[in-house]
Amino acid sequence: MEEIDILVSNGLMNILEEGSEEYQFIKNGFLRGMGFMGHVTNVMAIHKNNVSSSLARQARLDSFMVFSKAVATKCGGDPNVRYAWYGSSLHDLKDIVSLGFHNDHYHHHDHQSHGVGISLFSAKFSIDSAMCTTEDESGLRHVMLCRVITGKMEAVAGGSKQSHPSSIHYDTGVDDISSPTRHTIWPAFINSHIHPDYIVSFKYTYMEDPQIYWGQKPQSKYVLFPNLMARVSNHLKPLQMSYLLRSYRLYQERKIPRELWIRDVRSIVGDALLHRVISETSSVDVQLL
């Protein structure tokens, strides 16, 4: 974790003790949000933003608090501050902790995004932020847990080019008002409405059969889908990993049949990589659990 070590040595972040309540609270929340991937995810370290390390960083927190009060006044007393996850490369997260967000951190290429701005994922959906990560030279991935002033939220369609509130009544965008997964913070507010608090460092492992089948394996050969996701994560781009997750959810929700889901997996992963994973696991089928 060389780049994180630099942040620690510069006093910009502090490492949390593994046995502390704070560490366990953040770790458990992250793993719950990883859903089916929680079985193949190991948290390796959690670092906390040290806002007292410089006047500039303290000023950014003070600005967040000032805007929180302003939005509270506008919204009848509640700024609607929530925790949300942001996933990217460690280099990007180091840049954000040091200097703040900028437009290079937008997801311009992602037609799943809901407007132009910084996309973060709700506290219960850390798995979505994990799909946006890339492995560092130490084999670790990293996501950032942020406090976000969401204020009054408005629904924004997927693929929208909206880059500001549609009216003075709204503050941020979401994919679904009733059950938001993705939050969009508009460009004007990316360094006033978001405060990075923690970086969670993790790595993927592989699930053993008894954890799921309790020793009773399927008749056909198989590769567990969480293992497939973990194995292909170093070969696919974050956007492709997000597509895999989206297709999985559609199948889980019975919105697409198994045959179409398998076709999606083959299309996204590619037969060459899929066959390599299958040969490594001596499997010929994908079992969804």
C-alpha atoms as a PDB file:
ATOM      1  CA  MET A   1       0.000   0.000   0.000  1.00  0.00           C
ATOM      2  CA  GLU A   2       2.782   2.365  -0.972  1.00  0.00           C
ATOM      3  CA  GLU A   3       0.628   5.368  -1.913  1.00  0.00           C
ATOM      4  CA  ILE A   4      -1.461   5.033   1.254  1.00  0.00           C
ATOM      5  CA  ASP A   5       1.755   4.765   3.258  1.00  0.00           C
ATOM      6  CA  ILE A   6       2.720   8.132   1.774  1.00  0.00           C
ATOM      7  CA  LEU A   7      -0.584   9.629   2.965  1.00  0.00           C
ATOM      8  CA  VAL A   8       0.019   8.217   6.438  1.00  0.00           C
ATOM      9  CA  SER A   9       3.628   9.401   6.587  1.00  0.00           C
ATOM     10  CA  ASN A  10       2.521  12.886   5.468  1.00  0.00           C
ATOM     11  CA  GLY A  11      -0.069  12.936   8.247  1.00  0.00           C
ATOM     12  CA  LEU A  12      -2.979  13.074   5.791  1.00  0.00           C
ATOM     13  CA  MET A  13      -4.519   9.785   6.960  1.00  0.00           C
ATOM     14  CA  ASN A  14      -4.435   7.647  10.103  1.00  0.00           C
ATOM     15  CA  ILE A  15      -4.685   3.862  10.110  1.00  0.00           C
ATOM     16  CA  LEU A  16      -7.510   2.492  12.249  1.00  0.00           C
ATOM     17  CA  GLU A  17      -6.760  -0.240  14.755  1.00  0.00           C
ATOM     18  CA  GLU A  18      -8.370  -3.509  13.664  1.00  0.00           C
ATOM     19  CA  GLY A  19      -9.844  -4.177  17.099  1.00  0.00           C
ATOM     20  CA  SER A  20     -11.499  -0.782  17.466  1.00  0.00           C
ATOM     21  CA  GLU A  21     -15.272  -0.308  17.301  1.00  0.00           C
ATOM     22  CA  GLU A  22     -14.827   2.246  14.532  1.00  0.00           C
ATOM     23  CA  TYR A  23     -12.858  -0.245  12.407  1.00  0.00           C
ATOM     24  CA  GLN A  24     -15.411  -3.013  12.933  1.00  0.00           C
ATOM     25  CA  PHE A  25     -18.339  -0.682  12.172  1.00  0.00           C
ATOM     26  CA  ILE A  26     -16.847   0.431   8.843  1.00  0.00           C
ATOM     27  CA  LYS A  27     -15.680  -3.085   7.923  1.00  0.00           C
ATOM     28  CA  ASN A  28     -19.021  -4.735   8.676  1.00  0.00           C
ATOM     29  CA  GLY A  29     -20.947  -2.069   6.771  1.00  0.00           C
ATOM     30  CA  PHE A  30     -18.679  -2.494   3.758  1.00  0.00           C
ATOM     31  CA  LEU A  31     -18.982  -6.297   3.737  1.00  0.00           C
ATOM     32  CA  ARG A  32     -22.780  -6.192   4.130  1.00  0.00           C
ATOM     33  CA  GLY A  33     -22.958  -3.906   1.125  1.00  0.00           C
ATOM     34  CA  MET A  34     -20.816  -6.329  -0.904  1.00  0.00           C
ATOM     35  CA  GLY A  35     -23.756  -8.750  -1.034  1.00  0.00           C
ATOM     36  CA  PHE A  36     -22.895 -12.046  -2.742  1.00  0.00           C
ATOM     37  CA  MET A  37     -19.288 -10.843  -3.170  1.00  0.00           C
ATOM     38  CA  GLY A  38     -18.880 -10.525   0.596  1.00  0.00           C
ATOM     39  CA  HIS A  39     -17.896 -14.209   0.713  1.00  0.00           C
ATOM     40  CA  VAL A  40     -14.850 -13.535  -1.472  1.00  0.00           C
ATOM     41  CA  THR A  41     -13.834 -10.151  -0.003  1.00  0.00           C
ATOM     42  CA  ASN A  42     -11.216  -9.610   2.697  1.00  0.00           C
ATOM     43  CA  VAL A  43     -10.778  -6.164   4.272  1.00  0.00           C
ATOM     44  CA  MET A  44      -7.050  -5.570   4.707  1.00  0.00           C
ATOM     45  CA  ALA A  45      -6.919  -2.057   6.202  1.00  0.00           C
ATOM     46  CA  ILE A  46      -9.011   1.040   6.897  1.00  0.00           C
ATOM     47  CA  HIS A  47      -7.548   4.537   6.918  1.00  0.00           C
ATOM     48  CA  LYS A  48      -9.254   7.659   8.267  1.00  0.00           C
ATOM     49  CA  ASN A  49      -8.952  11.165   6.868  1.00  0.00           C
ATOM     50  CA  ASN A  50      -6.889  13.299   9.236  1.00  0.00           C
ATOM     51  CA  VAL A  51      -8.500  16.700   8.726  1.00  0.00           C
ATOM     52  CA  SER A  52      -6.348  18.317  11.404  1.00  0.00           C
ATOM     53  CA  SER A  53      -3.181  17.751   9.364  1.00  0.00           C
ATOM     54  CA  SER A  54      -3.451  21.112   7.571  1.00  0.00           C
ATOM     55  CA  LEU A  55      -5.460  24.341   7.542  1.00  0.00           C
ATOM     56  CA  ALA A  56      -6.629  23.641   3.996  1.00  0.00           C
ATOM     57  CA  ARG A  57      -8.100  20.263   4.950  1.00  0.00           C
ATOM     58  CA  GLN A  58      -9.760  21.727   8.026  1.00  0.00           C
ATOM     59  CA  ALA A  59     -11.160  24.478   5.804  1.00  0.00           C
ATOM     60  CA  ARG A  60     -12.705  21.841   3.491  1.00  0.00           C
ATOM     61  CA  LEU A  61     -14.437  20.203   6.453  1.00  0.00           C
ATOM     62  CA  ASP A  62     -15.583  23.625   7.720  1.00  0.00           C
ATOM     63  CA  SER A  63     -16.981  24.351   4.255  1.00  0.00           C
ATOM     64  CA  PHE A  64     -18.860  21.028   4.307  1.00  0.00           C
ATOM     65  CA  MET A  65     -20.403  21.927   7.664  1.00  0.00           C
ATOM     66  CA  VAL A  66     -21.376  25.426   6.484  1.00  0.00           C
ATOM     67  CA  PHE A  67     -23.097  24.027   3.379  1.00  0.00           C
ATOM     68  CA  SER A  68     -24.755  21.362   5.514  1.00  0.00           C
ATOM     69  CA  LYS A  69     -26.333  24.097   7.632  1.00  0.00           C
ATOM     70  CA  ALA A  70     -27.330  26.067   4.530  1.00  0.00           C
ATOM     71  CA  VAL A  71     -29.037  23.055   2.953  1.00  0.00           C
ATOM     72  CA  ALA A  72     -30.729  22.277   6.284  1.00  0.00           C
ATOM     73  CA  THR A  73     -32.184  25.795   6.346  1.00  0.00           C
ATOM     74  CA  LYS A  74     -33.382  25.402   2.757  1.00  0.00           C
ATOM     75  CA  CYS A  75     -34.896  21.953   3.393  1.00  0.00           C
ATOM     76  CA  GLY A  76     -36.749  22.656   6.596  1.00  0.00           C
ATOM     77  CA  GLY A  77     -34.047  21.674   9.044  1.00  0.00           C
ATOM     78  CA  ASP A  78     -32.636  18.430   7.579  1.00  0.00           C
ATOM     79  CA  PRO A  79     -29.631  18.524   5.190  1.00  0.00           C
ATOM     80  CA  ASN A  80     -30.119  14.789   4.565  1.00  0.00           C
ATOM     81  CA  VAL A  81     -26.453  13.893   5.119  1.00  0.00           C
ATOM     82  CA  ARG A  82     -25.764  10.284   4.158  1.00  0.00           C
ATOM     83  CA  TYR A  83     -22.788   7.985   3.867  1.00  0.00           C
ATOM     84  CA  ALA A  84     -21.937   6.862   0.340  1.00  0.00           C
ATOM     85  CA  TRP A  85     -19.134   4.947  -1.393  1.00  0.00           C
ATOM     86  CA  TYR A  86     -16.812   6.088  -4.163  1.00  0.00           C
ATOM     87  CA  GLY A  87     -14.595   3.548  -5.919  1.00  0.00           C
ATOM     88  CA  SER A  88     -11.639   4.219  -8.214  1.00  0.00           C
ATOM     89  CA  SER A  89      -7.900   3.637  -8.464  1.00  0.00           C
ATOM     90  CA  LEU A  90      -5.745   4.259  -5.411  1.00  0.00           C
ATOM     91  CA  HIS A  91      -4.052   7.079  -7.330  1.00  0.00           C
ATOM     92  CA  ASP A  92      -7.419   8.832  -7.783  1.00  0.00           C
ATOM     93  CA  LEU A  93      -8.363   8.375  -4.125  1.00  0.00           C
ATOM     94  CA  LYS A  94      -4.999   9.747  -3.015  1.00  0.00           C
ATOM     95  CA  ASP A  95      -5.596  12.747  -5.290  1.00  0.00           C
ATOM     96  CA  ILE A  96      -9.082  13.307  -3.834  1.00  0.00           C
ATOM     97  CA  VAL A  97      -7.900  13.088  -0.229  1.00  0.00           C
ATOM     98  CA  SER A  98      -5.061  15.506  -0.954  1.00  0.00           C
ATOM     99  CA  LEU A  99      -6.719  18.018  -3.279  1.00  0.00           C
ATOM    100  CA  GLY A 100     -10.434  17.277  -3.556  1.00  0.00           C
ATOM    101  CA  PHE A 101     -12.644  16.149  -6.437  1.00  0.00           C
ATOM    102  CA  HIS A 102     -12.349  17.499  -9.971  1.00  0.00           C
ATOM    103  CA  ASN A 103     -13.924  16.751 -13.341  1.00  0.00           C
ATOM    104  CA  ASP A 104     -11.528  13.887 -14.134  1.00  0.00           C
ATOM    105  CA  HIS A 105     -13.434  11.967 -11.463  1.00  0.00           C
ATOM    106  CA  TYR A 106     -16.730  12.163 -13.376  1.00  0.00           C
ATOM    107  CA  HIS A 107     -18.006   9.020 -15.122  1.00  0.00           C
ATOM    108  CA  HIS A 108     -18.369  10.548 -18.590  1.00  0.00           C
ATOM    109  CA  HIS A 109     -18.113   7.138 -20.285  1.00  0.00           C
ATOM    110  CA  ASP A 110     -20.705   5.395 -18.155  1.00  0.00           C
ATOM    111  CA  HIS A 111     -24.183   5.398 -19.717  1.00  0.00           C
ATOM    112  CA  GLN A 112     -25.422   3.898 -16.448  1.00  0.00           C
ATOM    113  CA  SER A 113     -24.623   7.184 -14.686  1.00  0.00           C
ATOM    114  CA  HIS A 114     -27.515   9.452 -13.800  1.00  0.00           C
ATOM    115  CA  GLY A 115     -26.322  12.898 -14.844  1.00  0.00           C
ATOM    116  CA  VAL A 116     -22.910  14.554 -15.098  1.00  0.00           C
ATOM    117  CA  GLY A 117     -21.055  14.898 -11.809  1.00  0.00           C
ATOM    118  CA  ILE A 118     -19.574  12.712  -9.108  1.00  0.00           C
ATOM    119  CA  SER A 119     -21.352   9.363  -8.788  1.00  0.00           C
ATOM    120  CA  LEU A 120     -21.381   7.731  -5.365  1.00  0.00           C
ATOM    121  CA  PHE A 121     -23.201   4.619  -4.182  1.00  0.00           C
ATOM    122  CA  SER A 122     -25.485   4.347  -1.187  1.00  0.00           C
ATOM    123  CA  ALA A 123     -24.090   2.878   2.021  1.00  0.00           C
ATOM    124  CA  LYS A 124     -25.882  -0.446   1.400  1.00  0.00           C
ATOM    125  CA  PHE A 125     -24.333  -0.846  -2.062  1.00  0.00           C
ATOM    126  CA  SER A 126     -20.579  -0.872  -1.542  1.00  0.00           C
ATOM    127  CA  ILE A 127     -20.461  -3.659  -4.156  1.00  0.00           C
ATOM    128  CA  ASP A 128     -21.212  -1.097  -6.874  1.00  0.00           C
ATOM    129  CA  SER A 129     -18.272   1.051  -5.819  1.00  0.00           C
ATOM    130  CA  ALA A 130     -16.045  -2.057  -5.699  1.00  0.00           C
ATOM    131  CA  MET A 131     -16.833  -2.662  -9.379  1.00  0.00           C
ATOM    132  CA  CYS A 132     -15.233   0.742 -10.129  1.00  0.00           C
ATOM    133  CA  THR A 133     -11.883  -0.141  -8.540  1.00  0.00           C
ATOM    134  CA  THR A 134      -8.609  -1.285 -10.060  1.00  0.00           C
ATOM    135  CA  GLU A 135      -6.005  -3.455  -8.372  1.00  0.00           C
ATOM    136  CA  ASP A 136      -2.856  -1.671  -7.190  1.00  0.00           C
ATOM    137  CA  GLU A 137       0.710  -3.007  -7.334  1.00  0.00           C
ATOM    138  CA  SER A 138       0.198  -4.735  -3.975  1.00  0.00           C
ATOM    139  CA  GLY A 139      -2.863  -6.627  -5.223  1.00  0.00           C
ATOM    140  CA  LEU A 140      -5.304  -4.466  -3.239  1.00  0.00           C
ATOM    141  CA  ARG A 141      -8.379  -2.485  -4.226  1.00  0.00           C
ATOM    142  CA  HIS A 142      -9.677   0.638  -2.513  1.00  0.00           C
ATOM    143  CA  VAL A 143     -12.993   2.417  -1.970  1.00  0.00           C
ATOM    144  CA  MET A 144     -13.706   5.678  -0.181  1.00  0.00           C
ATOM    145  CA  LEU A 145     -16.522   6.201   2.324  1.00  0.00           C
ATOM    146  CA  CYS A 146     -17.792   9.775   2.212  1.00  0.00           C
ATOM    147  CA  ARG A 147     -20.325  11.926   3.962  1.00  0.00           C
ATOM    148  CA  VAL A 148     -22.632  13.462   1.376  1.00  0.00           C
ATOM    149  CA  ILE A 149     -25.114  16.329   1.662  1.00  0.00           C
ATOM    150  CA  THR A 150     -27.979  15.036  -0.466  1.00  0.00           C
ATOM    151  CA  GLY A 151     -30.613  17.607   0.509  1.00  0.00           C
ATOM    152  CA  LYS A 152     -33.767  17.278  -1.587  1.00  0.00           C
ATOM    153  CA  MET A 153     -33.131  14.594  -4.192  1.00  0.00           C
ATOM    154  CA  GLU A 154     -34.579  14.338  -7.689  1.00  0.00           C
ATOM    155  CA  ALA A 155     -34.762  11.285  -9.938  1.00  0.00           C
ATOM    156  CA  VAL A 156     -32.451  11.488 -12.954  1.00  0.00           C
ATOM    157  CA  ALA A 157     -32.711   9.043 -15.846  1.00  0.00           C
ATOM    158  CA  GLY A 158     -29.804   6.739 -16.675  1.00  0.00           C
ATOM    159  CA  GLY A 159     -27.556   8.200 -19.355  1.00  0.00           C
ATOM    160  CA  SER A 160     -28.834  11.730 -18.742  1.00  0.00           C
ATOM    161  CA  LYS A 161     -26.506  14.633 -19.532  1.00  0.00           C
ATOM    162  CA  GLN A 162     -28.065  16.790 -16.795  1.00  0.00           C
ATOM    163  CA  SER A 163     -25.331  18.651 -14.904  1.00  0.00           C
ATOM    164  CA  HIS A 164     -27.263  20.816 -12.429  1.00  0.00           C
ATOM    165  CA  PRO A 165     -30.502  20.733 -10.428  1.00  0.00           C
ATOM    166  CA  SER A 166     -33.608  20.962 -12.587  1.00  0.00           C
ATOM    167  CA  SER A 167     -34.967  23.649 -10.250  1.00  0.00           C
ATOM    168  CA  ILE A 168     -33.982  25.565  -7.110  1.00  0.00           C
ATOM    169  CA  HIS A 169     -35.990  23.056  -5.077  1.00  0.00           C
ATOM    170  CA  TYR A 170     -33.495  20.214  -5.670  1.00  0.00           C
ATOM    171  CA  ASP A 171     -29.919  19.652  -4.533  1.00  0.00           C
ATOM    172  CA  THR A 172     -28.700  16.279  -5.862  1.00  0.00           C
ATOM    173  CA  GLY A 173     -29.712  13.517  -8.259  1.00  0.00           C
ATOM    174  CA  VAL A 174     -30.505   9.842  -7.653  1.00  0.00           C
ATOM    175  CA  ASP A 175     -31.411   6.842  -9.768  1.00  0.00           C
ATOM    176  CA  ASP A 176     -34.473   5.986  -7.664  1.00  0.00           C
ATOM    177  CA  ILE A 177     -36.155   8.293  -5.154  1.00  0.00           C
ATOM    178  CA  SER A 178     -37.752   5.518  -3.097  1.00  0.00           C
ATOM    179  CA  SER A 179     -34.641   3.310  -2.914  1.00  0.00           C
ATOM    180  CA  PRO A 180     -31.547   5.116  -4.196  1.00  0.00           C
ATOM    181  CA  THR A 181     -28.486   3.123  -5.230  1.00  0.00           C
ATOM    182  CA  ARG A 182     -26.567   5.857  -7.028  1.00  0.00           C
ATOM    183  CA  HIS A 183     -26.220   9.506  -5.982  1.00  0.00           C
ATOM    184  CA  THR A 184     -25.096  12.246  -8.355  1.00  0.00           C
ATOM    185  CA  ILE A 185     -23.449  15.350  -6.923  1.00  0.00           C
ATOM    186  CA  TRP A 186     -23.525  18.171  -9.475  1.00  0.00           C
ATOM    187  CA  PRO A 187     -20.252  19.807 -10.609  1.00  0.00           C
ATOM    188  CA  ALA A 188     -20.932  23.021  -8.682  1.00  0.00           C
ATOM    189  CA  PHE A 189     -21.107  21.100  -5.395  1.00  0.00           C
ATOM    190  CA  ILE A 190     -18.460  18.372  -5.656  1.00  0.00           C
ATOM    191  CA  ASN A 191     -16.159  19.960  -3.068  1.00  0.00           C
ATOM    192  CA  SER A 192     -18.812  21.424  -0.801  1.00  0.00           C
ATOM    193  CA  HIS A 193     -21.320  18.556  -0.580  1.00  0.00           C
ATOM    194  CA  ILE A 194     -18.883  15.606  -0.316  1.00  0.00           C
ATOM    195  CA  HIS A 195     -16.395  14.971   2.478  1.00  0.00           C
ATOM    196  CA  PRO A 196     -14.089  11.908   2.224  1.00  0.00           C
ATOM    197  CA  ASP A 197     -13.835  10.174   5.611  1.00  0.00           C
ATOM    198  CA  TYR A 198     -12.293   6.708   5.140  1.00  0.00           C
ATOM    199  CA  ILE A 199     -10.444   4.553   2.615  1.00  0.00           C
ATOM    200  CA  VAL A 200     -11.172   0.826   2.847  1.00  0.00           C
ATOM    201  CA  SER A 201      -8.509  -1.436   1.303  1.00  0.00           C
ATOM    202  CA  PHE A 202      -9.569  -4.944   0.337  1.00  0.00           C
ATOM    203  CA  LYS A 203      -8.749  -7.905  -1.860  1.00  0.00           C
ATOM    204  CA  TYR A 204     -10.715 -10.707  -3.468  1.00  0.00           C
ATOM    205  CA  THR A 205     -10.215 -14.319  -2.431  1.00  0.00           C
ATOM    206  CA  TYR A 206     -12.024 -17.454  -3.611  1.00  0.00           C
ATOM    207  CA  MET A 207     -15.000 -19.191  -2.058  1.00  0.00           C
ATOM    208  CA  GLU A 208     -14.762 -22.834  -1.021  1.00  0.00           C
ATOM    209  CA  ASP A 209     -17.653 -25.080  -2.059  1.00  0.00           C
ATOM    210  CA  PRO A 210     -18.861 -26.066   1.463  1.00  0.00           C
ATOM    211  CA  GLN A 211     -19.515 -22.422   2.284  1.00  0.00           C
ATOM    212  CA  ILE A 212     -22.416 -22.491  -0.148  1.00  0.00           C
ATOM    213  CA  TYR A 213     -23.330 -26.106  -0.831  1.00  0.00           C
ATOM    214  CA  TRP A 214     -22.642 -27.506   2.633  1.00  0.00           C
ATOM    215  CA  GLY A 215     -20.726 -30.330   0.981  1.00  0.00           C
ATOM    216  CA  GLN A 216     -23.443 -31.146  -1.591  1.00  0.00           C
ATOM    217  CA  LYS A 217     -22.135 -30.134  -5.010  1.00  0.00           C
ATOM    218  CA  PRO A 218     -24.266 -29.807  -8.146  1.00  0.00           C
ATOM    219  CA  GLN A 219     -24.276 -32.760 -10.552  1.00  0.00           C
ATOM    220  CA  SER A 220     -22.740 -30.706 -13.370  1.00  0.00           C
ATOM    221  CA  LYS A 221     -19.324 -29.114 -13.146  1.00  0.00           C
ATOM    222  CA  TYR A 222     -19.455 -25.464 -12.234  1.00  0.00           C
ATOM    223  CA  VAL A 223     -17.711 -22.210 -11.315  1.00  0.00           C
ATOM    224  CA  LEU A 224     -19.239 -20.183  -8.499  1.00  0.00           C
ATOM    225  CA  PHE A 225     -20.274 -16.775  -9.792  1.00  0.00           C
ATOM    226  CA  PRO A 226     -18.497 -14.824  -6.992  1.00  0.00           C
ATOM    227  CA  ASN A 227     -15.290 -16.699  -7.916  1.00  0.00           C
ATOM    228  CA  LEU A 228     -15.840 -15.856 -11.573  1.00  0.00           C
ATOM    229  CA  MET A 229     -16.242 -12.167 -10.722  1.00  0.00           C
ATOM    230  CA  ALA A 230     -13.102 -12.225  -8.581  1.00  0.00           C
ATOM    231  CA  ARG A 231     -11.043 -14.032 -11.256  1.00  0.00           C
ATOM    232  CA  VAL A 232     -12.015 -11.772 -14.160  1.00  0.00           C
ATOM    233  CA  SER A 233     -11.761  -8.504 -12.192  1.00  0.00           C
ATOM    234  CA  ASN A 234      -8.104  -8.001 -13.147  1.00  0.00           C
ATOM    235  CA  HIS A 235      -8.833  -8.544 -16.834  1.00  0.00           C
ATOM    236  CA  LEU A 236     -11.932  -6.385 -17.329  1.00  0.00           C
ATOM    237  CA  LYS A 237     -12.444  -2.642 -17.151  1.00  0.00           C
ATOM    238  CA  PRO A 238     -14.541  -1.209 -14.283  1.00  0.00           C
ATOM    239  CA  LEU A 239     -17.385  -0.492 -16.698  1.00  0.00           C
ATOM    240  CA  GLN A 240     -17.449  -4.136 -17.804  1.00  0.00           C
ATOM    241  CA  MET A 241     -17.542  -5.271 -14.168  1.00  0.00           C
ATOM    242  CA  SER A 242     -20.496  -2.943 -13.601  1.00  0.00           C
ATOM    243  CA  TYR A 243     -22.265  -4.527 -16.587  1.00  0.00           C
ATOM    244  CA  LEU A 244     -21.675  -7.997 -15.104  1.00  0.00           C
ATOM    245  CA  LEU A 245     -23.199  -6.881 -11.804  1.00  0.00           C
ATOM    246  CA  ARG A 246     -26.169  -5.282 -13.548  1.00  0.00           C
ATOM    247  CA  SER A 247     -26.855  -8.445 -15.582  1.00  0.00           C
ATOM    248  CA  TYR A 248     -26.592 -10.565 -12.425  1.00  0.00           C
ATOM    249  CA  ARG A 249     -29.170  -8.393 -10.681  1.00  0.00           C
ATOM    250  CA  LEU A 250     -31.579  -8.635 -13.606  1.00  0.00           C
ATOM    251  CA  TYR A 251     -31.304 -12.419 -13.454  1.00  0.00           C
ATOM    252  CA  GLN A 252     -31.711 -12.442  -9.672  1.00  0.00           C
ATOM    253  CA  GLU A 253     -34.851 -10.345 -10.003  1.00  0.00           C
ATOM    254  CA  ARG A 254     -36.157 -12.762 -12.681  1.00  0.00           C
ATOM    255  CA  LYS A 255     -36.228  -9.979 -15.255  1.00  0.00           C
ATOM    256  CA  ILE A 256     -34.150 -12.027 -17.702  1.00  0.00           C
ATOM    257  CA  PRO A 257     -33.984 -15.831 -18.167  1.00  0.00           C
ATOM    258  CA  ARG A 258     -30.884 -17.859 -17.324  1.00  0.00           C
ATOM    259  CA  GLU A 259     -30.019 -18.349 -21.014  1.00  0.00           C
ATOM    260  CA  LEU A 260     -29.910 -14.595 -21.619  1.00  0.00           C
ATOM    261  CA  TRP A 261     -27.870 -14.027 -18.452  1.00  0.00           C
ATOM    262  CA  ILE A 262     -25.293 -16.642 -19.538  1.00  0.00           C
ATOM    263  CA  ARG A 263     -25.179 -14.971 -22.949  1.00  0.00           C
ATOM    264  CA  ASP A 264     -24.504 -11.624 -21.240  1.00  0.00           C
ATOM    265  CA  VAL A 265     -21.684 -13.150 -19.195  1.00  0.00           C
ATOM    266  CA  ARG A 266     -20.074 -14.594 -22.340  1.00  0.00           C
ATOM    267  CA  SER A 267     -20.483 -11.322 -24.206  1.00  0.00           C
ATOM    268  CA  ILE A 268     -18.958  -9.192 -21.421  1.00  0.00           C
ATOM    269  CA  VAL A 269     -16.181 -11.546 -20.312  1.00  0.00           C
ATOM    270  CA  GLY A 270     -15.377 -13.017 -23.713  1.00  0.00           C
ATOM    271  CA  ASP A 271     -15.084 -16.720 -24.461  1.00  0.00           C
ATOM    272  CA  ALA A 272     -11.284 -16.796 -24.284  1.00  0.00           C
ATOM    273  CA  LEU A 273     -11.138 -15.427 -20.732  1.00  0.00           C
ATOM    274  CA  LEU A 274     -14.196 -17.424 -19.674  1.00  0.00           C
ATOM    275  CA  HIS A 275     -12.630 -20.666 -20.923  1.00  0.00           C
ATOM    276  CA  ARG A 276      -9.428 -19.842 -19.078  1.00  0.00           C
ATOM    277  CA  VAL A 277     -11.356 -19.369 -15.821  1.00  0.00           C
ATOM    278  CA  ILE A 278     -13.310 -22.565 -16.470  1.00  0.00           C
ATOM    279  CA  SER A 279     -10.141 -24.566 -17.127  1.00  0.00           C
ATOM    280  CA  GLU A 280      -8.556 -23.238 -13.929  1.00  0.00           C
ATOM    281  CA  THR A 281     -11.555 -24.477 -11.949  1.00  0.00           C
ATOM    282  CA  SER A 282     -12.146 -27.632 -14.007  1.00  0.00           C
ATOM    283  CA  SER A 283     -15.693 -26.378 -14.634  1.00  0.00           C
ATOM    284  CA  VAL A 284     -18.003 -26.113 -17.598  1.00  0.00           C
ATOM    285  CA  ASP A 285     -21.001 -24.297 -16.175  1.00  0.00           C
ATOM    286  CA  VAL A 286     -21.847 -21.192 -14.167  1.00  0.00           C
ATOM    287  CA  GLN A 287     -23.992 -21.790 -11.102  1.00  0.00           C
ATOM    288  CA  LEU A 288     -25.852 -18.796  -9.680  1.00  0.00           C
ATOM    289  CA  LEU A 289     -26.531 -18.894  -5.957  1.00  0.00           C
END
